[in-house]
Amino acid sequence: MSHKISLKNMVFYGFHGVYEFERELGQRFYVDLDMKADLRQAGVNDRLEETIDYVSVYNQTKEIVENHRFQLLEALSYHIAGEVLRLHPLVEEVTVRVRKPSVPIAAALDCVEVEAVRRRGE
C-alpha cells in the first residue's frame, strides 16, 4: 500500500537566480512537495514515529530555500528532494515543484516552475 503526504504552496524568501541582482535582492519562491511512502503502520498504530513528520520536512525545506543559494531552480529542487530522501527513510519517492513568480523576462506569465522527481536508490 502506498500513501502520499503533500505540502502545498509553501512560501519562502530566497536568493536564487542566474542574474546577480536576483541573488542580491531575493524574491519569493513557492514550493510543493509530494512524498510517497508505505505508512500502514502509522495508520494502524496512530504514532508519529511511524510516519513522515511534515513539520520537519517543512523546516528542512525552509532552511534550504532561505539559507542556500542556487543559480538554477533545477539545482534547488534537486537539492530539496535529496535532503528529503536522506533525512526521511520512509520516503520512497519525492516530487518537488519550485515556482518562481518574478522571472526576469519580458513576458506575461504567472510563473516558471521546475519539477524534480527522485526515488530512493536512484
PDB file of N, CA and C in Angstrom:
ATOM      1  N   MET A   1       0.849  -1.178   0.000  1.00  0.00           N
ATOM      2  CA  MET A   1       0.000   0.000   0.000  1.00  0.00           C
ATOM      3  C   MET A   1       0.891   1.237   0.000  1.00  0.00           C
ATOM      4  N   SER A   2       0.506   2.210  -0.768  1.00  0.00           N
ATOM      5  CA  SER A   2       1.290   3.438  -0.842  1.00  0.00           C
ATOM      6  C   SER A   2       0.436   4.619  -0.388  1.00  0.00           C
ATOM      7  N   HIS A   3       1.046   5.502   0.353  1.00  0.00           N
ATOM      8  CA  HIS A   3       0.407   6.734   0.810  1.00  0.00           C
ATOM      9  C   HIS A   3       1.153   7.916   0.227  1.00  0.00           C
ATOM     10  N   LYS A   4       0.509   9.055   0.228  1.00  0.00           N
ATOM     11  CA  LYS A   4       1.164  10.274  -0.221  1.00  0.00           C
ATOM     12  C   LYS A   4       0.892  11.377   0.782  1.00  0.00           C
ATOM     13  N   ILE A   5       1.944  12.050   1.210  1.00  0.00           N
ATOM     14  CA  ILE A   5       1.829  13.239   2.052  1.00  0.00           C
ATOM     15  C   ILE A   5       2.288  14.416   1.206  1.00  0.00           C
ATOM     16  N   SER A   6       1.477  15.464   1.169  1.00  0.00           N
ATOM     17  CA  SER A   6       1.785  16.638   0.349  1.00  0.00           C
ATOM     18  C   SER A   6       1.851  17.889   1.207  1.00  0.00           C
ATOM     19  N   LEU A   7       2.785  18.746   0.881  1.00  0.00           N
ATOM     20  CA  LEU A   7       2.858  20.093   1.443  1.00  0.00           C
ATOM     21  C   LEU A   7       2.732  21.022   0.244  1.00  0.00           C
ATOM     22  N   LYS A   8       1.718  21.872   0.243  1.00  0.00           N
ATOM     23  CA  LYS A   8       1.403  22.683  -0.934  1.00  0.00           C
ATOM     24  C   LYS A   8       1.593  24.177  -0.656  1.00  0.00           C
ATOM     25  N   ASN A   9       2.114  24.854  -1.664  1.00  0.00           N
ATOM     26  CA  ASN A   9       2.245  26.315  -1.651  1.00  0.00           C
ATOM     27  C   ASN A   9       2.994  26.864  -0.444  1.00  0.00           C
ATOM     28  N   MET A  10       4.073  26.195  -0.073  1.00  0.00           N
ATOM     29  CA  MET A  10       4.938  26.761   0.962  1.00  0.00           C
ATOM     30  C   MET A  10       5.609  27.989   0.345  1.00  0.00           C
ATOM     31  N   VAL A  11       5.663  29.074   1.082  1.00  0.00           N
ATOM     32  CA  VAL A  11       6.219  30.323   0.563  1.00  0.00           C
ATOM     33  C   VAL A  11       7.472  30.683   1.356  1.00  0.00           C
ATOM     34  N   PHE A  12       8.560  30.906   0.619  1.00  0.00           N
ATOM     35  CA  PHE A  12       9.838  31.250   1.244  1.00  0.00           C
ATOM     36  C   PHE A  12      10.453  32.419   0.489  1.00  0.00           C
ATOM     37  N   TYR A  13      11.337  33.117   1.154  1.00  0.00           N
ATOM     38  CA  TYR A  13      12.083  34.199   0.517  1.00  0.00           C
ATOM     39  C   TYR A  13      13.523  33.727   0.354  1.00  0.00           C
ATOM     40  N   GLY A  14      13.961  33.649  -0.908  1.00  0.00           N
ATOM     41  CA  GLY A  14      15.288  33.133  -1.181  1.00  0.00           C
ATOM     42  C   GLY A  14      16.060  34.001  -2.156  1.00  0.00           C
ATOM     43  N   PHE A  15      17.310  33.635  -2.369  1.00  0.00           N
ATOM     44  CA  PHE A  15      18.234  34.419  -3.193  1.00  0.00           C
ATOM     45  C   PHE A  15      18.811  33.535  -4.301  1.00  0.00           C
ATOM     46  N   HIS A  16      17.936  33.079  -5.173  1.00  0.00           N
ATOM     47  CA  HIS A  16      18.316  32.162  -6.247  1.00  0.00           C
ATOM     48  C   HIS A  16      18.087  32.826  -7.593  1.00  0.00           C
ATOM     49  N   GLY A  17      18.963  32.534  -8.534  1.00  0.00           N
ATOM     50  CA  GLY A  17      18.787  33.041  -9.885  1.00  0.00           C
ATOM     51  C   GLY A  17      20.114  33.128 -10.609  1.00  0.00           C
ATOM     52  N   VAL A  18      20.024  33.214 -11.907  1.00  0.00           N
ATOM     53  CA  VAL A  18      21.219  33.309 -12.745  1.00  0.00           C
ATOM     54  C   VAL A  18      21.831  34.701 -12.641  1.00  0.00           C
ATOM     55  N   TYR A  19      20.975  35.697 -12.519  1.00  0.00           N
ATOM     56  CA  TYR A  19      21.459  37.076 -12.515  1.00  0.00           C
ATOM     57  C   TYR A  19      21.848  37.528 -11.101  1.00  0.00           C
ATOM     58  N   GLU A  20      22.893  38.319 -11.046  1.00  0.00           N
ATOM     59  CA  GLU A  20      23.417  38.786  -9.761  1.00  0.00           C
ATOM     60  C   GLU A  20      22.358  39.532  -8.944  1.00  0.00           C
ATOM     61  N   PHE A  21      21.547  40.368  -9.600  1.00  0.00           N
ATOM     62  CA  PHE A  21      20.530  41.127  -8.856  1.00  0.00           C
ATOM     63  C   PHE A  21      19.514  40.208  -8.186  1.00  0.00           C
ATOM     64  N   GLU A  22      19.243  39.046  -8.771  1.00  0.00           N
ATOM     65  CA  GLU A  22      18.320  38.088  -8.147  1.00  0.00           C
ATOM     66  C   GLU A  22      18.931  37.524  -6.861  1.00  0.00           C
ATOM     67  N   ARG A  23      20.215  37.270  -6.906  1.00  0.00           N
ATOM     68  CA  ARG A  23      20.898  36.706  -5.735  1.00  0.00           C
ATOM     69  C   ARG A  23      21.158  37.760  -4.668  1.00  0.00           C
ATOM     70  N   GLU A  24      21.124  39.036  -5.036  1.00  0.00           N
ATOM     71  CA  GLU A  24      21.312  40.115  -4.056  1.00  0.00           C
ATOM     72  C   GLU A  24      19.996  40.570  -3.441  1.00  0.00           C
ATOM     73  N   LEU A  25      18.975  40.776  -4.285  1.00  0.00           N
ATOM     74  CA  LEU A  25      17.696  41.299  -3.791  1.00  0.00           C
ATOM     75  C   LEU A  25      16.791  40.208  -3.222  1.00  0.00           C
ATOM     76  N   GLY A  26      16.848  39.038  -3.809  1.00  0.00           N
ATOM     77  CA  GLY A  26      15.977  37.953  -3.392  1.00  0.00           C
ATOM     78  C   GLY A  26      14.555  38.119  -3.884  1.00  0.00           C
ATOM     79  N   GLN A  27      13.753  37.080  -3.650  1.00  0.00           N
ATOM     80  CA  GLN A  27      12.352  37.084  -4.066  1.00  0.00           C
ATOM     81  C   GLN A  27      11.630  35.897  -3.445  1.00  0.00           C
ATOM     82  N   ARG A  28      10.321  35.865  -3.637  1.00  0.00           N
ATOM     83  CA  ARG A  28       9.520  34.756  -3.121  1.00  0.00           C
ATOM     84  C   ARG A  28       9.639  33.539  -4.037  1.00  0.00           C
ATOM     85  N   PHE A  29       9.631  32.381  -3.401  1.00  0.00           N
ATOM     86  CA  PHE A  29       9.585  31.106  -4.097  1.00  0.00           C
ATOM     87  C   PHE A  29       8.480  30.273  -3.466  1.00  0.00           C
ATOM     88  N   TYR A  30       7.755  29.543  -4.296  1.00  0.00           N
ATOM     89  CA  TYR A  30       6.685  28.671  -3.836  1.00  0.00           C
ATOM     90  C   TYR A  30       7.128  27.235  -4.063  1.00  0.00           C
ATOM     91  N   VAL A  31       6.943  26.397  -3.044  1.00  0.00           N
ATOM     92  CA  VAL A  31       7.410  25.021  -3.124  1.00  0.00           C
ATOM     93  C   VAL A  31       6.273  24.075  -2.753  1.00  0.00           C
ATOM     94  N   ASP A  32       6.118  23.023  -3.565  1.00  0.00           N
ATOM     95  CA  ASP A  32       5.205  21.916  -3.270  1.00  0.00           C
ATOM     96  C   ASP A  32       6.036  20.654  -3.125  1.00  0.00           C
ATOM     97  N   LEU A  33       5.661  19.800  -2.181  1.00  0.00           N
ATOM     98  CA  LEU A  33       6.312  18.506  -2.003  1.00  0.00           C
ATOM     99  C   LEU A  33       5.254  17.422  -1.959  1.00  0.00           C
ATOM    100  N   ASP A  34       5.478  16.344  -2.692  1.00  0.00           N
ATOM    101  CA  ASP A  34       4.667  15.133  -2.602  1.00  0.00           C
ATOM    102  C   ASP A  34       5.608  14.002  -2.233  1.00  0.00           C
ATOM    103  N   MET A  35       5.322  13.332  -1.135  1.00  0.00           N
ATOM    104  CA  MET A  35       6.166  12.239  -0.656  1.00  0.00           C
ATOM    105  C   MET A  35       5.354  10.960  -0.616  1.00  0.00           C
ATOM    106  N   LYS A  36       5.855   9.932  -1.284  1.00  0.00           N
ATOM    107  CA  LYS A  36       5.192   8.628  -1.302  1.00  0.00           C
ATOM    108  C   LYS A  36       5.919   7.684  -0.364  1.00  0.00           C
ATOM    109  N   ALA A  37       5.125   6.934   0.411  1.00  0.00           N
ATOM    110  CA  ALA A  37       5.692   6.005   1.387  1.00  0.00           C
ATOM    111  C   ALA A  37       4.635   4.987   1.782  1.00  0.00           C
ATOM    112  N   ASP A  38       5.087   3.877   2.306  1.00  0.00           N
ATOM    113  CA  ASP A  38       4.189   2.890   2.890  1.00  0.00           C
ATOM    114  C   ASP A  38       3.998   3.276   4.351  1.00  0.00           C
ATOM    115  N   LEU A  39       2.833   3.800   4.669  1.00  0.00           N
ATOM    116  CA  LEU A  39       2.557   4.307   6.017  1.00  0.00           C
ATOM    117  C   LEU A  39       1.471   3.493   6.720  1.00  0.00           C
ATOM    118  N   ARG A  40       1.377   2.221   6.369  1.00  0.00           N
ATOM    119  CA  ARG A  40       0.362   1.369   7.006  1.00  0.00           C
ATOM    120  C   ARG A  40       0.498   1.335   8.518  1.00  0.00           C
ATOM    121  N   GLN A  41       1.730   1.214   9.016  1.00  0.00           N
ATOM    122  CA  GLN A  41       1.919   1.125  10.467  1.00  0.00           C
ATOM    123  C   GLN A  41       1.419   2.379  11.175  1.00  0.00           C
ATOM    124  N   ALA A  42       1.641   3.527  10.579  1.00  0.00           N
ATOM    125  CA  ALA A  42       1.133   4.770  11.177  1.00  0.00           C
ATOM    126  C   ALA A  42      -0.388   4.770  11.184  1.00  0.00           C
ATOM    127  N   GLY A  43      -0.986   4.252  10.119  1.00  0.00           N
ATOM    128  CA  GLY A  43      -2.436   4.173  10.064  1.00  0.00           C
ATOM    129  C   GLY A  43      -3.017   3.241  11.111  1.00  0.00           C
ATOM    130  N   VAL A  44      -2.330   2.155  11.358  1.00  0.00           N
ATOM    131  CA  VAL A  44      -2.788   1.173  12.340  1.00  0.00           C
ATOM    132  C   VAL A  44      -2.536   1.653  13.761  1.00  0.00           C
ATOM    133  N   ASN A  45      -1.335   2.175  14.006  1.00  0.00           N
ATOM    134  CA  ASN A  45      -0.913   2.485  15.372  1.00  0.00           C
ATOM    135  C   ASN A  45      -1.089   3.934  15.794  1.00  0.00           C
ATOM    136  N   ASP A  46      -1.348   4.820  14.842  1.00  0.00           N
ATOM    137  CA  ASP A  46      -1.584   6.232  15.152  1.00  0.00           C
ATOM    138  C   ASP A  46      -0.402   6.839  15.917  1.00  0.00           C
ATOM    139  N   ARG A  47       0.825   6.573  15.390  1.00  0.00           N
ATOM    140  CA  ARG A  47       2.042   7.048  16.063  1.00  0.00           C
ATOM    141  C   ARG A  47       2.877   7.880  15.094  1.00  0.00           C
ATOM    142  N   LEU A  48       3.280   9.064  15.524  1.00  0.00           N
ATOM    143  CA  LEU A  48       4.091   9.962  14.707  1.00  0.00           C
ATOM    144  C   LEU A  48       5.400   9.297  14.278  1.00  0.00           C
ATOM    145  N   GLU A  49       5.979   8.467  15.126  1.00  0.00           N
ATOM    146  CA  GLU A  49       7.249   7.820  14.828  1.00  0.00           C
ATOM    147  C   GLU A  49       7.165   6.892  13.624  1.00  0.00           C
ATOM    148  N   GLU A  50       5.954   6.536  13.210  1.00  0.00           N
ATOM    149  CA  GLU A  50       5.780   5.587  12.110  1.00  0.00           C
ATOM    150  C   GLU A  50       5.301   6.263  10.826  1.00  0.00           C
ATOM    151  N   THR A  51       5.449   7.577  10.772  1.00  0.00           N
ATOM    152  CA  THR A  51       5.067   8.309   9.570  1.00  0.00           C
ATOM    153  C   THR A  51       6.156   9.327   9.241  1.00  0.00           C
ATOM    154  N   ILE A  52       5.862  10.220   8.319  1.00  0.00           N
ATOM    155  CA  ILE A  52       6.789  11.280   7.934  1.00  0.00           C
ATOM    156  C   ILE A  52       6.362  12.543   8.668  1.00  0.00           C
ATOM    157  N   ASP A  53       7.247  13.072   9.457  1.00  0.00           N
ATOM    158  CA  ASP A  53       6.959  14.287  10.222  1.00  0.00           C
ATOM    159  C   ASP A  53       7.012  15.482   9.267  1.00  0.00           C
ATOM    160  N   TYR A  54       5.849  15.945   8.823  1.00  0.00           N
ATOM    161  CA  TYR A  54       5.831  17.011   7.818  1.00  0.00           C
ATOM    162  C   TYR A  54       6.263  18.364   8.380  1.00  0.00           C
ATOM    163  N   VAL A  55       6.239  18.547   9.695  1.00  0.00           N
ATOM    164  CA  VAL A  55       6.798  19.771  10.279  1.00  0.00           C
ATOM    165  C   VAL A  55       8.310  19.786  10.053  1.00  0.00           C
ATOM    166  N   SER A  56       8.945  18.647  10.242  1.00  0.00           N
ATOM    167  CA  SER A  56      10.373  18.525   9.991  1.00  0.00           C
ATOM    168  C   SER A  56      10.694  18.766   8.519  1.00  0.00           C
ATOM    169  N   VAL A  57       9.890  18.217   7.626  1.00  0.00           N
ATOM    170  CA  VAL A  57      10.099  18.411   6.184  1.00  0.00           C
ATOM    171  C   VAL A  57       9.962  19.891   5.836  1.00  0.00           C
ATOM    172  N   TYR A  58       8.951  20.546   6.384  1.00  0.00           N
ATOM    173  CA  TYR A  58       8.768  21.983   6.144  1.00  0.00           C
ATOM    174  C   TYR A  58      10.007  22.761   6.601  1.00  0.00           C
ATOM    175  N   ASN A  59      10.458  22.496   7.812  1.00  0.00           N
ATOM    176  CA  ASN A  59      11.608  23.234   8.360  1.00  0.00           C
ATOM    177  C   ASN A  59      12.878  22.993   7.547  1.00  0.00           C
ATOM    178  N   GLN A  60      13.086  21.769   7.076  1.00  0.00           N
ATOM    179  CA  GLN A  60      14.256  21.473   6.244  1.00  0.00           C
ATOM    180  C   GLN A  60      14.172  22.190   4.903  1.00  0.00           C
ATOM    181  N   THR A  61      12.986  22.220   4.312  1.00  0.00           N
ATOM    182  CA  THR A  61      12.798  22.912   3.037  1.00  0.00           C
ATOM    183  C   THR A  61      13.034  24.403   3.209  1.00  0.00           C
ATOM    184  N   LYS A  62      12.498  24.966   4.262  1.00  0.00           N
ATOM    185  CA  LYS A  62      12.692  26.389   4.563  1.00  0.00           C
ATOM    186  C   LYS A  62      14.177  26.707   4.709  1.00  0.00           C
ATOM    187  N   GLU A  63      14.905  25.870   5.432  1.00  0.00           N
ATOM    188  CA  GLU A  63      16.336  26.097   5.639  1.00  0.00           C
ATOM    189  C   GLU A  63      17.089  26.098   4.305  1.00  0.00           C
ATOM    190  N   ILE A  64      16.760  25.183   3.423  1.00  0.00           N
ATOM    191  CA  ILE A  64      17.441  25.102   2.128  1.00  0.00           C
ATOM    192  C   ILE A  64      17.117  26.318   1.269  1.00  0.00           C
ATOM    193  N   VAL A  65      15.833  26.650   1.143  1.00  0.00           N
ATOM    194  CA  VAL A  65      15.439  27.761   0.273  1.00  0.00           C
ATOM    195  C   VAL A  65      15.974  29.090   0.799  1.00  0.00           C
ATOM    196  N   GLU A  66      15.919  29.288   2.102  1.00  0.00           N
ATOM    197  CA  GLU A  66      16.271  30.591   2.659  1.00  0.00           C
ATOM    198  C   GLU A  66      17.754  30.759   2.994  1.00  0.00           C
ATOM    199  N   ASN A  67      18.505  29.671   3.139  1.00  0.00           N
ATOM    200  CA  ASN A  67      19.889  29.792   3.587  1.00  0.00           C
ATOM    201  C   ASN A  67      20.931  29.293   2.589  1.00  0.00           C
ATOM    202  N   HIS A  68      20.508  28.798   1.462  1.00  0.00           N
ATOM    203  CA  HIS A  68      21.432  28.363   0.417  1.00  0.00           C
ATOM    204  C   HIS A  68      21.148  29.196  -0.832  1.00  0.00           C
ATOM    205  N   ARG A  69      22.091  29.220  -1.746  1.00  0.00           N
ATOM    206  CA  ARG A  69      21.913  29.973  -2.989  1.00  0.00           C
ATOM    207  C   ARG A  69      22.222  29.076  -4.178  1.00  0.00           C
ATOM    208  N   PHE A  70      21.295  29.074  -5.118  1.00  0.00           N
ATOM    209  CA  PHE A  70      21.455  28.314  -6.354  1.00  0.00           C
ATOM    210  C   PHE A  70      21.168  29.232  -7.525  1.00  0.00           C
ATOM    211  N   GLN A  71      21.837  29.007  -8.625  1.00  0.00           N
ATOM    212  CA  GLN A  71      21.523  29.758  -9.829  1.00  0.00           C
ATOM    213  C   GLN A  71      20.252  29.212 -10.478  1.00  0.00           C
ATOM    214  N   LEU A  72      20.094  27.901 -10.460  1.00  0.00           N
ATOM    215  CA  LEU A  72      19.007  27.260 -11.194  1.00  0.00           C
ATOM    216  C   LEU A  72      17.952  26.663 -10.270  1.00  0.00           C
ATOM    217  N   LEU A  73      16.698  26.776 -10.679  1.00  0.00           N
ATOM    218  CA  LEU A  73      15.616  26.109  -9.954  1.00  0.00           C
ATOM    219  C   LEU A  73      15.806  24.598  -9.995  1.00  0.00           C
ATOM    220  N   GLU A  74      16.405  24.100 -11.061  1.00  0.00           N
ATOM    221  CA  GLU A  74      16.688  22.668 -11.169  1.00  0.00           C
ATOM    222  C   GLU A  74      17.576  22.211 -10.029  1.00  0.00           C
ATOM    223  N   ALA A  75      18.592  22.995  -9.703  1.00  0.00           N
ATOM    224  CA  ALA A  75      19.506  22.644  -8.609  1.00  0.00           C
ATOM    225  C   ALA A  75      18.810  22.754  -7.260  1.00  0.00           C
ATOM    226  N   LEU A  76      18.007  23.783  -7.076  1.00  0.00           N
ATOM    227  CA  LEU A  76      17.275  23.965  -5.824  1.00  0.00           C
ATOM    228  C   LEU A  76      16.320  22.802  -5.588  1.00  0.00           C
ATOM    229  N   SER A  77      15.516  22.440  -6.579  1.00  0.00           N
ATOM    230  CA  SER A  77      14.539  21.360  -6.414  1.00  0.00           C
ATOM    231  C   SER A  77      15.238  20.016  -6.214  1.00  0.00           C
ATOM    232  N   TYR A  78      16.335  19.774  -6.933  1.00  0.00           N
ATOM    233  CA  TYR A  78      17.085  18.530  -6.795  1.00  0.00           C
ATOM    234  C   TYR A  78      17.664  18.408  -5.384  1.00  0.00           C
ATOM    235  N   HIS A  79      18.191  19.506  -4.853  1.00  0.00           N
ATOM    236  CA  HIS A  79      18.773  19.503  -3.513  1.00  0.00           C
ATOM    237  C   HIS A  79      17.705  19.251  -2.438  1.00  0.00           C
ATOM    238  N   ILE A  80      16.569  19.892  -2.568  1.00  0.00           N
ATOM    239  CA  ILE A  80      15.477  19.659  -1.617  1.00  0.00           C
ATOM    240  C   ILE A  80      15.067  18.190  -1.636  1.00  0.00           C
ATOM    241  N   ALA A  81      14.875  17.641  -2.820  1.00  0.00           N
ATOM    242  CA  ALA A  81      14.458  16.235  -2.948  1.00  0.00           C
ATOM    243  C   ALA A  81      15.484  15.303  -2.318  1.00  0.00           C
ATOM    244  N   GLY A  82      16.756  15.565  -2.546  1.00  0.00           N
ATOM    245  CA  GLY A  82      17.803  14.727  -1.973  1.00  0.00           C
ATOM    246  C   GLY A  82      17.815  14.760  -0.456  1.00  0.00           C
ATOM    247  N   GLU A  83      17.589  15.933   0.118  1.00  0.00           N
ATOM    248  CA  GLU A  83      17.566  16.049   1.579  1.00  0.00           C
ATOM    249  C   GLU A  83      16.353  15.342   2.174  1.00  0.00           C
ATOM    250  N   VAL A  84      15.208  15.410   1.505  1.00  0.00           N
ATOM    251  CA  VAL A  84      14.026  14.694   2.000  1.00  0.00           C
ATOM    252  C   VAL A  84      14.323  13.199   2.033  1.00  0.00           C
ATOM    253  N   LEU A  85      14.914  12.663   0.965  1.00  0.00           N
ATOM    254  CA  LEU A  85      15.232  11.229   0.935  1.00  0.00           C
ATOM    255  C   LEU A  85      16.289  10.872   1.977  1.00  0.00           C
ATOM    256  N   ARG A  86      17.269  11.723   2.159  1.00  0.00           N
ATOM    257  CA  ARG A  86      18.349  11.445   3.099  1.00  0.00           C
ATOM    258  C   ARG A  86      17.861  11.450   4.548  1.00  0.00           C
ATOM    259  N   LEU A  87      16.996  12.402   4.882  1.00  0.00           N
ATOM    260  CA  LEU A  87      16.593  12.591   6.276  1.00  0.00           C
ATOM    261  C   LEU A  87      15.323  11.846   6.676  1.00  0.00           C
ATOM    262  N   HIS A  88      14.607  11.306   5.698  1.00  0.00           N
ATOM    263  CA  HIS A  88      13.340  10.616   5.998  1.00  0.00           C
ATOM    264  C   HIS A  88      13.329   9.252   5.315  1.00  0.00           C
ATOM    265  N   PRO A  89      13.816   8.234   6.015  1.00  0.00           N
ATOM    266  CA  PRO A  89      13.986   6.915   5.396  1.00  0.00           C
ATOM    267  C   PRO A  89      12.695   6.241   4.942  1.00  0.00           C
ATOM    268  N   LEU A  90      11.551   6.672   5.429  1.00  0.00           N
ATOM    269  CA  LEU A  90      10.294   6.077   4.975  1.00  0.00           C
ATOM    270  C   LEU A  90       9.891   6.558   3.578  1.00  0.00           C
ATOM    271  N   VAL A  91      10.392   7.694   3.162  1.00  0.00           N
ATOM    272  CA  VAL A  91      10.022   8.247   1.852  1.00  0.00           C
ATOM    273  C   VAL A  91      10.650   7.393   0.758  1.00  0.00           C
ATOM    274  N   GLU A  92       9.798   6.872  -0.121  1.00  0.00           N
ATOM    275  CA  GLU A  92      10.253   6.054  -1.248  1.00  0.00           C
ATOM    276  C   GLU A  92      10.458   6.904  -2.502  1.00  0.00           C
ATOM    277  N   GLU A  93       9.636   7.949  -2.634  1.00  0.00           N
ATOM    278  CA  GLU A  93       9.716   8.836  -3.801  1.00  0.00           C
ATOM    279  C   GLU A  93       9.265  10.222  -3.370  1.00  0.00           C
ATOM    280  N   VAL A  94       9.951  11.237  -3.887  1.00  0.00           N
ATOM    281  CA  VAL A  94       9.565  12.606  -3.582  1.00  0.00           C
ATOM    282  C   VAL A  94       9.505  13.404  -4.872  1.00  0.00           C
ATOM    283  N   THR A  95       8.470  14.205  -4.985  1.00  0.00           N
ATOM    284  CA  THR A  95       8.327  15.150  -6.096  1.00  0.00           C
ATOM    285  C   THR A  95       8.383  16.547  -5.505  1.00  0.00           C
ATOM    286  N   VAL A  96       9.274  17.375  -6.035  1.00  0.00           N
ATOM    287  CA  VAL A  96       9.435  18.752  -5.573  1.00  0.00           C
ATOM    288  C   VAL A  96       9.139  19.677  -6.744  1.00  0.00           C
ATOM    289  N   ARG A  97       8.221  20.603  -6.530  1.00  0.00           N
ATOM    290  CA  ARG A  97       7.930  21.640  -7.521  1.00  0.00           C
ATOM    291  C   ARG A  97       8.314  22.988  -6.920  1.00  0.00           C
ATOM    292  N   VAL A  98       9.137  23.732  -7.636  1.00  0.00           N
ATOM    293  CA  VAL A  98       9.544  25.069  -7.202  1.00  0.00           C
ATOM    294  C   VAL A  98       9.045  26.049  -8.241  1.00  0.00           C
ATOM    295  N   ARG A  99       8.294  27.059  -7.769  1.00  0.00           N
ATOM    296  CA  ARG A  99       7.761  28.104  -8.649  1.00  0.00           C
ATOM    297  C   ARG A  99       8.416  29.436  -8.323  1.00  0.00           C
ATOM    298  N   LYS A 100       8.733  30.148  -9.380  1.00  0.00           N
ATOM    299  CA  LYS A 100       9.353  31.471  -9.265  1.00  0.00           C
ATOM    300  C   LYS A 100       8.451  32.441 -10.024  1.00  0.00           C
ATOM    301  N   PRO A 101       7.663  33.243  -9.302  1.00  0.00           N
ATOM    302  CA  PRO A 101       6.713  34.128  -9.984  1.00  0.00           C
ATOM    303  C   PRO A 101       7.354  35.367 -10.599  1.00  0.00           C
ATOM    304  N   SER A 102       8.478  35.806 -10.085  1.00  0.00           N
ATOM    305  CA  SER A 102       9.097  37.046 -10.574  1.00  0.00           C
ATOM    306  C   SER A 102      10.296  36.721 -11.461  1.00  0.00           C
ATOM    307  N   VAL A 103      10.000  36.210 -12.631  1.00  0.00           N
ATOM    308  CA  VAL A 103      11.083  35.856 -13.546  1.00  0.00           C
ATOM    309  C   VAL A 103      11.512  37.079 -14.349  1.00  0.00           C
ATOM    310  N   PRO A 104      12.817  37.237 -14.565  1.00  0.00           N
ATOM    311  CA  PRO A 104      13.315  38.424 -15.256  1.00  0.00           C
ATOM    312  C   PRO A 104      13.266  38.283 -16.779  1.00  0.00           C
ATOM    313  N   ILE A 105      12.056  38.091 -17.312  1.00  0.00           N
ATOM    314  CA  ILE A 105      11.885  38.050 -18.761  1.00  0.00           C
ATOM    315  C   ILE A 105      10.722  38.958 -19.129  1.00  0.00           C
ATOM    316  N   ALA A 106      10.787  39.500 -20.325  1.00  0.00           N
ATOM    317  CA  ALA A 106       9.731  40.395 -20.801  1.00  0.00           C
ATOM    318  C   ALA A 106       8.614  39.549 -21.398  1.00  0.00           C
ATOM    319  N   ALA A 107       7.763  39.035 -20.532  1.00  0.00           N
ATOM    320  CA  ALA A 107       6.658  38.181 -20.979  1.00  0.00           C
ATOM    321  C   ALA A 107       5.552  38.203 -19.935  1.00  0.00           C
ATOM    322  N   ALA A 108       4.348  37.953 -20.397  1.00  0.00           N
ATOM    323  CA  ALA A 108       3.219  37.846 -19.477  1.00  0.00           C
ATOM    324  C   ALA A 108       3.043  36.371 -19.126  1.00  0.00           C
ATOM    325  N   LEU A 109       3.402  36.028 -17.889  1.00  0.00           N
ATOM    326  CA  LEU A 109       3.221  34.659 -17.421  1.00  0.00           C
ATOM    327  C   LEU A 109       3.098  34.669 -15.912  1.00  0.00           C
ATOM    328  N   ASP A 110       2.475  33.634 -15.422  1.00  0.00           N
ATOM    329  CA  ASP A 110       2.219  33.516 -13.989  1.00  0.00           C
ATOM    330  C   ASP A 110       3.486  33.209 -13.205  1.00  0.00           C
ATOM    331  N   CYS A 111       4.258  32.250 -13.694  1.00  0.00           N
ATOM    332  CA  CYS A 111       5.477  31.840 -13.011  1.00  0.00           C
ATOM    333  C   CYS A 111       6.244  30.870 -13.900  1.00  0.00           C
ATOM    334  N   VAL A 112       7.442  30.563 -13.469  1.00  0.00           N
ATOM    335  CA  VAL A 112       8.209  29.466 -14.035  1.00  0.00           C
ATOM    336  C   VAL A 112       8.247  28.398 -12.958  1.00  0.00           C
ATOM    337  N   GLU A 113       8.077  27.139 -13.369  1.00  0.00           N
ATOM    338  CA  GLU A 113       8.058  26.036 -12.410  1.00  0.00           C
ATOM    339  C   GLU A 113       8.988  24.927 -12.887  1.00  0.00           C
ATOM    340  N   VAL A 114       9.741  24.368 -11.939  1.00  0.00           N
ATOM    341  CA  VAL A 114      10.584  23.210 -12.207  1.00  0.00           C
ATOM    342  C   VAL A 114      10.141  22.102 -11.273  1.00  0.00           C
ATOM    343  N   GLU A 115      10.052  20.884 -11.805  1.00  0.00           N
ATOM    344  CA  GLU A 115       9.659  19.736 -11.011  1.00  0.00           C
ATOM    345  C   GLU A 115      10.773  18.700 -11.044  1.00  0.00           C
ATOM    346  N   ALA A 116      11.144  18.223  -9.872  1.00  0.00           N
ATOM    347  CA  ALA A 116      12.139  17.152  -9.747  1.00  0.00           C
ATOM    348  C   ALA A 116      11.482  15.972  -9.064  1.00  0.00           C
ATOM    349  N   VAL A 117      11.676  14.782  -9.617  1.00  0.00           N
ATOM    350  CA  VAL A 117      11.184  13.548  -9.016  1.00  0.00           C
ATOM    351  C   VAL A 117      12.392  12.670  -8.733  1.00  0.00           C
ATOM    352  N   ARG A 118      12.540  12.292  -7.473  1.00  0.00           N
ATOM    353  CA  ARG A 118      13.649  11.419  -7.085  1.00  0.00           C
ATOM    354  C   ARG A 118      13.110  10.234  -6.303  1.00  0.00           C
ATOM    355  N   ARG A 119      13.711   9.088  -6.561  1.00  0.00           N
ATOM    356  CA  ARG A 119      13.316   7.858  -5.893  1.00  0.00           C
ATOM    357  C   ARG A 119      14.491   7.316  -5.075  1.00  0.00           C
ATOM    358  N   ARG A 120      14.159   6.670  -3.987  1.00  0.00           N
ATOM    359  CA  ARG A 120      15.203   6.083  -3.144  1.00  0.00           C
ATOM    360  C   ARG A 120      16.005   5.091  -3.987  1.00  0.00           C
ATOM    361  N   GLY A 121      17.315   5.165  -3.865  1.00  0.00           N
ATOM    362  CA  GLY A 121      18.171   4.232  -4.575  1.00  0.00           C
ATOM    363  C   GLY A 121      18.584   4.685  -5.970  1.00  0.00           C
ATOM    364  N   GLU A 122      18.092   5.820  -6.424  1.00  0.00           N
ATOM    365  CA  GLU A 122      18.483   6.317  -7.760  1.00  0.00           C
ATOM    366  C   GLU A 122      19.511   7.385  -7.639  1.00  0.00           C
TER     367      GLU A 122
END
